[in-house]
Amino acid sequence: MTVAAIGRYEFKSRDRLEYFHGNQVVYFHWEEHLMFCAGLALPLPPTMPFRAILSDVLPGCYGTHPDWARIDWGKVTWMLDSRPFKPVLDASLADNHIGHKSLLRFWTPGLQGIDGIPTC
């Protein structure tokens, strides 16, 4: 199919960092858990310690999953923007090089699907 351009499409994006009042958008995706079909977009302060993400933020997002309480965070594997990542728990998002519109993907070994039943 041929596509014809109708002209230049120029605009200032409405999801630029300056629109988030000191926060930045960070995306999270719990891999192999299709109860959550897409990543979550959360406005978070860059000064927030990564440990607070695990204790205060993500439980409110994913805590309804039956396996959430069984996660062994010491065994979780992470990717940050398509590269392997090992978070420093007491360092801030900024110090962990997590920026505006970064994507954090995480895998929980031994916990795939719902109650051990794979969903993919």
N, C-alpha and C. Protein backbone atom coordinates (compact mmCIF):
# COMPACT_ATOMS: atom_id res chain seq x y z
N MET A 1 0.85 -1.16 0.00
CA MET A 1 0.00 0.00 0.00
C MET A 1 0.90 1.24 0.00
N THR A 2 0.59 2.16 -0.83
CA THR A 2 1.33 3.41 -0.91
C THR A 2 0.77 4.39 0.11
N VAL A 3 1.68 5.11 0.73
CA VAL A 3 1.29 6.12 1.71
C VAL A 3 1.74 7.48 1.20
N ALA A 4 0.84 8.43 1.22
CA ALA A 4 1.17 9.78 0.77
C ALA A 4 1.21 10.70 1.98
N ALA A 5 2.28 11.43 2.12
CA ALA A 5 2.41 12.39 3.22
C ALA A 5 1.51 13.60 2.94
N ILE A 6 0.95 14.14 4.00
CA ILE A 6 0.08 15.31 3.83
C ILE A 6 0.80 16.59 4.25
N GLY A 7 2.09 16.47 4.46
CA GLY A 7 2.86 17.63 4.88
C GLY A 7 3.64 17.32 6.15
N ARG A 8 4.34 18.32 6.63
CA ARG A 8 5.15 18.12 7.84
C ARG A 8 4.24 18.12 9.06
N TYR A 9 4.55 17.23 9.97
CA TYR A 9 3.80 17.13 11.21
C TYR A 9 4.74 17.53 12.33
N GLU A 10 4.67 18.78 12.73
CA GLU A 10 5.56 19.30 13.76
C GLU A 10 4.74 19.71 14.97
N PHE A 11 5.18 19.29 16.13
CA PHE A 11 4.48 19.64 17.36
C PHE A 11 5.44 19.49 18.52
N LYS A 12 5.12 20.12 19.60
CA LYS A 12 5.87 19.94 20.84
C LYS A 12 5.15 18.87 21.64
N SER A 13 5.86 17.83 21.96
CA SER A 13 5.29 16.71 22.69
C SER A 13 4.73 17.17 24.04
N ARG A 14 3.59 16.63 24.44
CA ARG A 14 2.98 16.98 25.72
C ARG A 14 3.45 16.08 26.86
N ASP A 15 4.37 15.15 26.56
CA ASP A 15 4.89 14.30 27.63
C ASP A 15 6.36 14.61 27.93
N ARG A 16 6.73 15.87 27.66
CA ARG A 16 8.10 16.29 27.99
C ARG A 16 8.26 16.39 29.51
N LEU A 17 9.45 16.23 29.98
CA LEU A 17 9.77 16.21 31.40
C LEU A 17 9.22 17.43 32.13
N GLU A 18 9.28 18.60 31.52
CA GLU A 18 8.86 19.81 32.22
C GLU A 18 7.37 19.85 32.56
N TYR A 19 6.58 18.95 31.99
CA TYR A 19 5.15 18.91 32.29
C TYR A 19 4.80 18.04 33.50
N PHE A 20 5.80 17.45 34.15
CA PHE A 20 5.52 16.50 35.22
C PHE A 20 5.86 17.02 36.62
N HIS A 21 6.01 18.32 36.77
CA HIS A 21 6.12 18.98 38.08
C HIS A 21 7.17 18.33 38.98
N GLY A 22 8.36 18.09 38.44
CA GLY A 22 9.45 17.52 39.24
C GLY A 22 9.51 16.01 39.20
N ASN A 23 8.51 15.37 38.63
CA ASN A 23 8.52 13.92 38.47
C ASN A 23 9.01 13.56 37.08
N GLN A 24 9.23 12.29 36.88
CA GLN A 24 9.54 11.77 35.56
C GLN A 24 8.69 10.52 35.36
N VAL A 25 8.35 10.22 34.12
CA VAL A 25 7.57 9.02 33.84
C VAL A 25 8.53 7.84 33.76
N VAL A 26 8.21 6.79 34.51
CA VAL A 26 8.98 5.55 34.45
C VAL A 26 7.99 4.43 34.16
N TYR A 27 8.33 3.60 33.18
CA TYR A 27 7.49 2.47 32.80
C TYR A 27 8.00 1.20 33.49
N PHE A 28 7.07 0.36 33.94
CA PHE A 28 7.41 -0.92 34.57
C PHE A 28 6.61 -2.02 33.87
N HIS A 29 7.25 -3.16 33.67
CA HIS A 29 6.54 -4.32 33.12
C HIS A 29 7.02 -5.58 33.81
N TRP A 30 6.08 -6.32 34.42
CA TRP A 30 6.35 -7.60 35.07
C TRP A 30 6.22 -8.67 34.00
N GLU A 31 7.33 -9.15 33.51
CA GLU A 31 7.34 -10.09 32.40
C GLU A 31 6.76 -11.44 32.83
N GLU A 32 6.16 -12.13 31.86
CA GLU A 32 5.57 -13.45 32.03
C GLU A 32 4.35 -13.44 32.96
N HIS A 33 3.71 -12.30 33.07
CA HIS A 33 2.51 -12.16 33.90
C HIS A 33 1.46 -11.38 33.11
N LEU A 34 0.74 -12.11 32.29
CA LEU A 34 -0.20 -11.46 31.38
C LEU A 34 -1.49 -10.99 32.06
N MET A 35 -1.59 -11.19 33.38
CA MET A 35 -2.69 -10.56 34.10
C MET A 35 -2.57 -9.04 33.94
N PHE A 36 -1.33 -8.59 33.69
CA PHE A 36 -1.03 -7.18 33.42
C PHE A 36 -0.51 -7.14 31.99
N CYS A 37 -1.36 -6.78 31.06
CA CYS A 37 -1.06 -6.94 29.64
C CYS A 37 -0.08 -5.93 29.08
N ALA A 38 0.19 -4.88 29.81
CA ALA A 38 1.08 -3.84 29.29
C ALA A 38 1.86 -3.23 30.45
N GLY A 39 2.90 -2.51 30.10
CA GLY A 39 3.66 -1.82 31.12
C GLY A 39 2.85 -0.72 31.78
N LEU A 40 3.26 -0.36 32.97
CA LEU A 40 2.61 0.73 33.70
C LEU A 40 3.45 1.99 33.56
N ALA A 41 2.83 3.13 33.45
CA ALA A 41 3.51 4.42 33.39
C ALA A 41 3.25 5.13 34.71
N LEU A 42 4.33 5.42 35.45
CA LEU A 42 4.19 6.04 36.76
C LEU A 42 5.01 7.32 36.84
N PRO A 43 4.41 8.41 37.33
CA PRO A 43 5.18 9.64 37.54
C PRO A 43 5.88 9.55 38.90
N LEU A 44 7.20 9.54 38.89
CA LEU A 44 7.99 9.35 40.11
C LEU A 44 9.08 10.40 40.21
N PRO A 45 9.41 10.83 41.43
CA PRO A 45 10.50 11.79 41.58
C PRO A 45 11.85 11.12 41.33
N PRO A 46 12.74 11.76 40.61
CA PRO A 46 14.06 11.17 40.34
C PRO A 46 14.88 10.94 41.60
N THR A 47 14.50 11.59 42.71
CA THR A 47 15.22 11.44 43.98
C THR A 47 14.74 10.22 44.78
N MET A 48 13.67 9.57 44.33
CA MET A 48 13.13 8.42 45.07
C MET A 48 14.13 7.28 45.09
N PRO A 49 14.39 6.70 46.27
CA PRO A 49 15.28 5.53 46.31
C PRO A 49 14.61 4.33 45.64
N PHE A 50 15.41 3.53 44.97
CA PHE A 50 14.86 2.37 44.28
C PHE A 50 14.14 1.45 45.27
N ARG A 51 14.65 1.34 46.48
CA ARG A 51 14.02 0.50 47.50
C ARG A 51 12.55 0.89 47.71
N ALA A 52 12.25 2.18 47.64
CA ALA A 52 10.87 2.65 47.82
C ALA A 52 9.97 2.19 46.68
N ILE A 53 10.53 1.99 45.51
CA ILE A 53 9.75 1.45 44.39
C ILE A 53 9.22 0.07 44.77
N LEU A 54 10.11 -0.75 45.34
CA LEU A 54 9.74 -2.12 45.70
C LEU A 54 8.79 -2.18 46.90
N SER A 55 9.00 -1.29 47.86
CA SER A 55 8.20 -1.38 49.09
C SER A 55 6.92 -0.54 49.06
N ASP A 56 6.93 0.58 48.34
CA ASP A 56 5.81 1.52 48.42
C ASP A 56 5.03 1.70 47.12
N VAL A 57 5.68 1.51 45.98
CA VAL A 57 5.03 1.82 44.70
C VAL A 57 4.47 0.57 44.03
N LEU A 58 5.32 -0.39 43.74
CA LEU A 58 4.87 -1.54 42.96
C LEU A 58 3.82 -2.40 43.66
N PRO A 59 3.84 -2.54 45.00
CA PRO A 59 2.76 -3.32 45.62
C PRO A 59 1.37 -2.75 45.33
N GLY A 60 1.25 -1.45 45.22
CA GLY A 60 -0.04 -0.85 44.90
C GLY A 60 -0.45 -1.08 43.46
N CYS A 61 0.50 -1.42 42.62
CA CYS A 61 0.22 -1.66 41.20
C CYS A 61 0.00 -3.14 40.91
N TYR A 62 0.83 -3.99 41.48
CA TYR A 62 0.81 -5.41 41.16
C TYR A 62 0.35 -6.30 42.32
N GLY A 63 0.08 -5.72 43.47
CA GLY A 63 -0.22 -6.49 44.66
C GLY A 63 -1.44 -7.37 44.59
N THR A 64 -2.34 -7.15 43.64
CA THR A 64 -3.52 -8.01 43.51
C THR A 64 -3.19 -9.37 42.91
N HIS A 65 -2.01 -9.50 42.32
CA HIS A 65 -1.61 -10.78 41.73
C HIS A 65 -1.36 -11.79 42.85
N PRO A 66 -1.87 -13.03 42.71
CA PRO A 66 -1.72 -14.01 43.78
C PRO A 66 -0.27 -14.35 44.14
N ASP A 67 0.67 -14.14 43.24
CA ASP A 67 2.07 -14.48 43.50
C ASP A 67 2.90 -13.30 44.01
N TRP A 68 2.33 -12.12 44.07
CA TRP A 68 3.12 -10.94 44.42
C TRP A 68 3.87 -11.10 45.73
N ALA A 69 3.23 -11.57 46.75
CA ALA A 69 3.85 -11.70 48.08
C ALA A 69 4.95 -12.76 48.10
N ARG A 70 5.00 -13.62 47.09
CA ARG A 70 6.01 -14.69 47.04
C ARG A 70 7.28 -14.29 46.30
N ILE A 71 7.37 -13.08 45.80
CA ILE A 71 8.55 -12.67 45.04
C ILE A 71 9.76 -12.62 45.97
N ASP A 72 10.85 -13.24 45.51
CA ASP A 72 12.14 -13.14 46.18
C ASP A 72 12.94 -12.08 45.41
N TRP A 73 12.96 -10.86 45.94
CA TRP A 73 13.57 -9.74 45.22
C TRP A 73 15.07 -9.94 44.99
N GLY A 74 15.70 -10.78 45.77
CA GLY A 74 17.11 -11.08 45.55
C GLY A 74 17.36 -11.90 44.30
N LYS A 75 16.32 -12.56 43.79
CA LYS A 75 16.46 -13.40 42.59
C LYS A 75 15.88 -12.75 41.33
N VAL A 76 15.23 -11.62 41.48
CA VAL A 76 14.61 -10.96 40.34
C VAL A 76 15.69 -10.47 39.38
N THR A 77 15.43 -10.64 38.09
CA THR A 77 16.33 -10.09 37.07
C THR A 77 15.64 -8.89 36.43
N TRP A 78 16.44 -7.88 36.10
CA TRP A 78 15.94 -6.61 35.60
C TRP A 78 16.58 -6.27 34.25
N MET A 79 15.84 -5.51 33.47
CA MET A 79 16.38 -4.84 32.29
C MET A 79 15.94 -3.39 32.36
N LEU A 80 16.85 -2.51 32.06
CA LEU A 80 16.58 -1.08 31.99
C LEU A 80 16.83 -0.63 30.56
N ASP A 81 15.77 -0.21 29.89
CA ASP A 81 15.88 0.27 28.51
C ASP A 81 16.67 -0.70 27.64
N SER A 82 16.32 -1.98 27.68
CA SER A 82 16.85 -3.06 26.84
C SER A 82 18.28 -3.50 27.18
N ARG A 83 18.75 -3.17 28.38
CA ARG A 83 20.06 -3.70 28.79
C ARG A 83 19.94 -4.26 30.21
N PRO A 84 20.71 -5.30 30.52
CA PRO A 84 20.66 -5.86 31.87
C PRO A 84 20.94 -4.79 32.92
N PHE A 85 20.29 -4.93 34.06
CA PHE A 85 20.34 -3.88 35.07
C PHE A 85 20.29 -4.53 36.45
N LYS A 86 21.12 -4.05 37.35
CA LYS A 86 21.09 -4.47 38.75
C LYS A 86 20.91 -3.21 39.57
N PRO A 87 19.71 -2.99 40.12
CA PRO A 87 19.47 -1.75 40.85
C PRO A 87 20.27 -1.68 42.14
N VAL A 88 20.68 -0.47 42.48
CA VAL A 88 21.26 -0.19 43.79
C VAL A 88 20.08 0.30 44.63
N LEU A 89 19.67 -0.50 45.59
CA LEU A 89 18.41 -0.26 46.29
C LEU A 89 18.36 1.07 47.03
N ASP A 90 19.46 1.49 47.63
CA ASP A 90 19.44 2.73 48.40
C ASP A 90 19.81 3.96 47.58
N ALA A 91 20.07 3.76 46.29
CA ALA A 91 20.36 4.89 45.40
C ALA A 91 19.05 5.38 44.77
N SER A 92 19.04 6.63 44.39
CA SER A 92 17.85 7.23 43.76
C SER A 92 17.66 6.69 42.35
N LEU A 93 16.49 6.97 41.80
CA LEU A 93 16.26 6.63 40.40
C LEU A 93 17.32 7.27 39.52
N ALA A 94 17.58 8.55 39.75
CA ALA A 94 18.58 9.27 38.95
C ALA A 94 19.96 8.62 39.08
N ASP A 95 20.33 8.26 40.31
CA ASP A 95 21.65 7.63 40.51
C ASP A 95 21.72 6.23 39.92
N ASN A 96 20.56 5.59 39.72
CA ASN A 96 20.50 4.30 39.05
C ASN A 96 20.40 4.46 37.53
N HIS A 97 20.50 5.70 37.05
CA HIS A 97 20.43 6.03 35.61
C HIS A 97 19.07 5.71 35.01
N ILE A 98 18.03 5.86 35.82
CA ILE A 98 16.65 5.69 35.36
C ILE A 98 16.13 7.09 35.06
N GLY A 99 15.86 7.33 33.80
CA GLY A 99 15.46 8.66 33.38
C GLY A 99 14.01 8.75 32.96
N HIS A 100 13.64 9.91 32.46
CA HIS A 100 12.29 10.16 31.97
C HIS A 100 11.98 9.21 30.82
N LYS A 101 10.90 8.48 30.97
CA LYS A 101 10.40 7.50 30.00
C LYS A 101 11.28 6.25 29.89
N SER A 102 12.06 5.95 30.94
CA SER A 102 12.79 4.69 30.98
C SER A 102 11.81 3.54 31.17
N LEU A 103 12.18 2.38 30.65
CA LEU A 103 11.39 1.16 30.81
C LEU A 103 12.18 0.18 31.66
N LEU A 104 11.57 -0.22 32.78
CA LEU A 104 12.13 -1.25 33.65
C LEU A 104 11.30 -2.51 33.50
N ARG A 105 11.93 -3.57 33.01
CA ARG A 105 11.28 -4.87 32.89
C ARG A 105 11.87 -5.77 33.97
N PHE A 106 11.01 -6.61 34.59
CA PHE A 106 11.55 -7.52 35.59
C PHE A 106 10.92 -8.90 35.48
N TRP A 107 11.74 -9.91 35.79
CA TRP A 107 11.36 -11.31 35.75
C TRP A 107 11.50 -11.88 37.16
N THR A 108 10.55 -12.71 37.56
CA THR A 108 10.55 -13.30 38.89
C THR A 108 10.70 -14.82 38.73
N PRO A 109 11.93 -15.33 38.83
CA PRO A 109 12.17 -16.76 38.63
C PRO A 109 11.30 -17.63 39.53
N GLY A 110 10.71 -18.66 38.94
CA GLY A 110 9.85 -19.57 39.67
C GLY A 110 8.42 -19.09 39.79
N LEU A 111 8.15 -17.87 39.39
CA LEU A 111 6.80 -17.32 39.45
C LEU A 111 6.40 -16.83 38.07
N GLN A 112 5.94 -17.75 37.25
CA GLN A 112 5.47 -17.38 35.92
C GLN A 112 3.98 -17.64 35.86
N GLY A 113 3.25 -16.76 35.24
CA GLY A 113 1.82 -16.94 35.08
C GLY A 113 1.06 -16.58 36.34
N ILE A 114 0.03 -17.37 36.65
CA ILE A 114 -0.79 -17.16 37.85
C ILE A 114 -0.80 -18.46 38.64
N ASP A 115 -0.31 -18.42 39.85
CA ASP A 115 -0.24 -19.61 40.71
C ASP A 115 0.49 -20.76 40.02
N GLY A 116 1.57 -20.44 39.29
CA GLY A 116 2.37 -21.47 38.64
C GLY A 116 1.84 -21.95 37.31
N ILE A 117 0.73 -21.42 36.85
CA ILE A 117 0.17 -21.81 35.56
C ILE A 117 0.63 -20.79 34.53
N PRO A 118 1.51 -21.20 33.59
CA PRO A 118 2.00 -20.25 32.59
C PRO A 118 0.86 -19.65 31.77
N THR A 119 1.02 -18.37 31.46
CA THR A 119 0.00 -17.68 30.67
C THR A 119 0.46 -17.42 29.25
N CYS A 120 1.66 -17.88 28.92
CA CYS A 120 2.12 -17.67 27.55
C CYS A 120 2.86 -18.88 27.06
